Amino acid sequence: MRKLMHGNIRLLLGTALLSLAGWGAACTMGQQATAQKALMHVFAFTPREDATPQDFAAFQRATVAMVGQIPGFRRVWVGKLREPLPVETRIHTWGVAMEFDDAQALEVYATHPAHDAWVKVYERVRLPGTATLDILSQ
């Protein structure tokens, strides 16, 4: 009986220690994620009625490809908006969110040759006029 009780206590202590270690790691990871400085460049647009599925596939590929080509361009999300966004006379239904190291990286992106090539693909899927904002992390 005594051996069984000692075994249960050890199991309980081991479980508690593993739980604490996991909780501590999660807290540390959360602090690192919120402490990281970045800039989010986000825009929504209205697609062209004559844009084909192939045009959108090319746009998504070209958008994702810039991440490896432009310094300071970390990540990108491309897709349909969860809800349409009415802006003036248009309804925006697609969006892009780009994560950059900082405002300087956004400036590099704006003048980079990969961006120039991307604009040509982007123009095939959208009507002129976007809703754009930049978010600086604190």
Protein backbone atom coordinates (compact mmCIF):
# COMPACT_ATOMS: atom_id res chain seq x y z
CA MET A 1 0.00 0.00 0.00
CA ARG A 2 2.81 2.38 0.94
CA LYS A 3 4.62 1.74 -2.39
CA LEU A 4 1.42 2.40 -4.28
CA MET A 5 0.91 5.71 -2.45
CA HIS A 6 4.52 6.79 -3.10
CA GLY A 7 4.10 5.91 -6.79
CA ASN A 8 0.92 8.00 -6.99
CA ILE A 9 2.60 10.95 -5.27
CA ARG A 10 5.53 10.76 -7.70
CA LEU A 11 3.16 10.62 -10.64
CA LEU A 12 1.21 13.59 -9.32
CA LEU A 13 4.39 15.61 -8.71
CA GLY A 14 5.75 14.73 -12.15
CA THR A 15 2.50 15.79 -13.79
CA ALA A 16 2.44 19.05 -11.84
CA LEU A 17 6.05 19.85 -12.80
CA LEU A 18 5.42 19.14 -16.47
CA SER A 19 2.30 21.32 -16.38
CA LEU A 20 4.21 24.18 -14.77
CA ALA A 21 7.02 23.85 -17.28
CA GLY A 22 4.55 23.95 -20.18
CA TRP A 23 2.74 26.94 -18.70
CA GLY A 24 6.04 28.79 -18.17
CA ALA A 25 7.14 28.09 -21.74
CA ALA A 26 3.81 29.31 -23.08
CA CYS A 27 4.07 32.53 -21.05
CA THR A 28 7.58 33.15 -22.32
CA MET A 29 6.56 32.51 -25.92
CA GLY A 30 3.60 34.87 -25.51
CA GLN A 31 5.86 37.61 -24.16
CA GLN A 32 8.28 37.19 -27.06
CA ALA A 33 5.47 37.36 -29.60
CA THR A 34 3.99 40.55 -28.15
CA ALA A 35 7.38 42.20 -27.63
CA GLN A 36 8.43 41.74 -31.25
CA LYS A 37 8.42 44.98 -33.27
CA ALA A 38 6.87 44.91 -36.71
CA LEU A 39 4.76 46.82 -39.20
CA MET A 40 1.59 45.41 -40.76
CA HIS A 41 0.69 46.79 -44.19
CA VAL A 42 -2.95 45.87 -44.81
CA PHE A 43 -5.16 46.64 -47.77
CA ALA A 44 -8.55 45.62 -49.14
CA PHE A 45 -9.65 45.83 -52.74
CA THR A 46 -12.52 45.20 -55.13
CA PRO A 47 -11.82 42.49 -57.69
CA ARG A 48 -12.29 43.04 -61.38
CA GLU A 49 -15.32 41.26 -62.84
CA ASP A 50 -13.23 39.94 -65.73
CA ALA A 51 -10.48 38.49 -63.47
CA THR A 52 -10.21 34.72 -63.97
CA PRO A 53 -9.39 32.07 -61.37
CA GLN A 54 -6.00 31.79 -63.08
CA ASP A 55 -5.45 35.54 -62.57
CA PHE A 56 -6.17 35.15 -58.85
CA ALA A 57 -3.90 32.11 -58.58
CA ALA A 58 -1.09 34.07 -60.26
CA PHE A 59 -1.74 37.02 -57.93
CA GLN A 60 -1.55 34.81 -54.84
CA ARG A 61 1.66 33.12 -56.05
CA ALA A 62 3.29 36.47 -56.90
CA THR A 63 2.29 37.94 -53.53
CA VAL A 64 3.69 35.03 -51.54
CA ALA A 65 6.87 34.95 -53.65
CA MET A 66 7.85 38.48 -52.55
CA VAL A 67 8.47 37.23 -48.99
CA GLY A 68 11.71 35.53 -50.03
CA GLN A 69 12.79 38.30 -52.38
CA ILE A 70 12.40 41.55 -50.44
CA PRO A 71 14.53 42.19 -47.34
CA GLY A 72 12.48 42.77 -44.19
CA PHE A 73 9.28 41.32 -45.68
CA ARG A 74 8.42 38.60 -43.15
CA ARG A 75 5.01 37.11 -43.92
CA VAL A 76 1.89 37.64 -46.00
CA TRP A 77 -1.78 36.64 -45.91
CA VAL A 78 -3.94 36.82 -49.05
CA GLY A 79 -7.62 36.01 -49.41
CA LYS A 80 -11.25 36.94 -49.40
CA LEU A 81 -12.47 39.16 -46.59
CA ARG A 82 -14.65 37.47 -43.98
CA GLU A 83 -17.19 40.25 -44.55
CA PRO A 84 -17.39 42.73 -47.46
CA LEU A 85 -15.98 46.18 -46.70
CA PRO A 86 -17.96 49.06 -48.24
CA VAL A 87 -15.72 52.03 -49.07
CA GLU A 88 -17.24 55.02 -50.88
CA THR A 89 -18.85 53.59 -54.04
CA ARG A 90 -17.12 50.18 -53.94
CA ILE A 91 -17.42 46.97 -51.97
CA HIS A 92 -14.01 45.48 -51.15
CA THR A 93 -14.10 41.70 -50.86
CA TRP A 94 -10.41 40.72 -51.01
CA GLY A 95 -7.51 41.66 -48.79
CA VAL A 96 -3.80 41.33 -48.19
CA ALA A 97 -1.87 41.68 -44.94
CA MET A 98 1.92 42.00 -45.14
CA GLU A 99 4.23 41.86 -42.13
CA PHE A 100 7.47 43.85 -42.32
CA ASP A 101 10.36 44.34 -39.90
CA ASP A 102 9.68 48.08 -39.73
CA ALA A 103 8.73 51.18 -41.74
CA GLN A 104 12.09 51.15 -43.53
CA ALA A 105 11.40 47.61 -44.81
CA LEU A 106 8.05 48.86 -46.18
CA GLU A 107 9.94 51.58 -48.07
CA VAL A 108 12.32 48.95 -49.51
CA TYR A 109 9.28 46.91 -50.61
CA ALA A 110 7.70 49.91 -52.36
CA THR A 111 10.77 50.48 -54.56
CA HIS A 112 11.95 46.88 -55.02
CA PRO A 113 11.93 45.35 -58.54
CA ALA A 114 9.93 42.36 -57.22
CA HIS A 115 7.20 44.80 -56.14
CA ASP A 116 7.19 46.39 -59.61
CA ALA A 117 6.62 42.96 -61.19
CA TRP A 118 3.94 42.14 -58.59
CA VAL A 119 1.98 45.33 -59.36
CA LYS A 120 1.48 44.12 -62.95
CA VAL A 121 -0.10 40.89 -61.66
CA TYR A 122 -2.11 42.74 -59.00
CA GLU A 123 -3.58 45.13 -61.60
CA ARG A 124 -5.11 42.12 -63.41
CA VAL A 125 -7.31 41.24 -60.41
CA ARG A 126 -8.36 44.56 -58.88
CA LEU A 127 -10.20 47.74 -59.66
CA PRO A 128 -8.28 50.96 -58.87
CA GLY A 129 -8.72 52.20 -55.32
CA THR A 130 -7.85 50.31 -52.16
CA ALA A 131 -8.45 50.80 -48.46
CA THR A 132 -4.96 50.74 -46.96
CA LEU A 133 -3.55 51.12 -43.48
CA ASP A 134 -0.23 50.53 -41.77
CA ILE A 135 -0.06 49.33 -38.17
CA LEU A 136 3.11 49.81 -36.10
CA SER A 137 3.51 47.44 -33.16
CA GLN A 138 4.31 49.11 -29.86
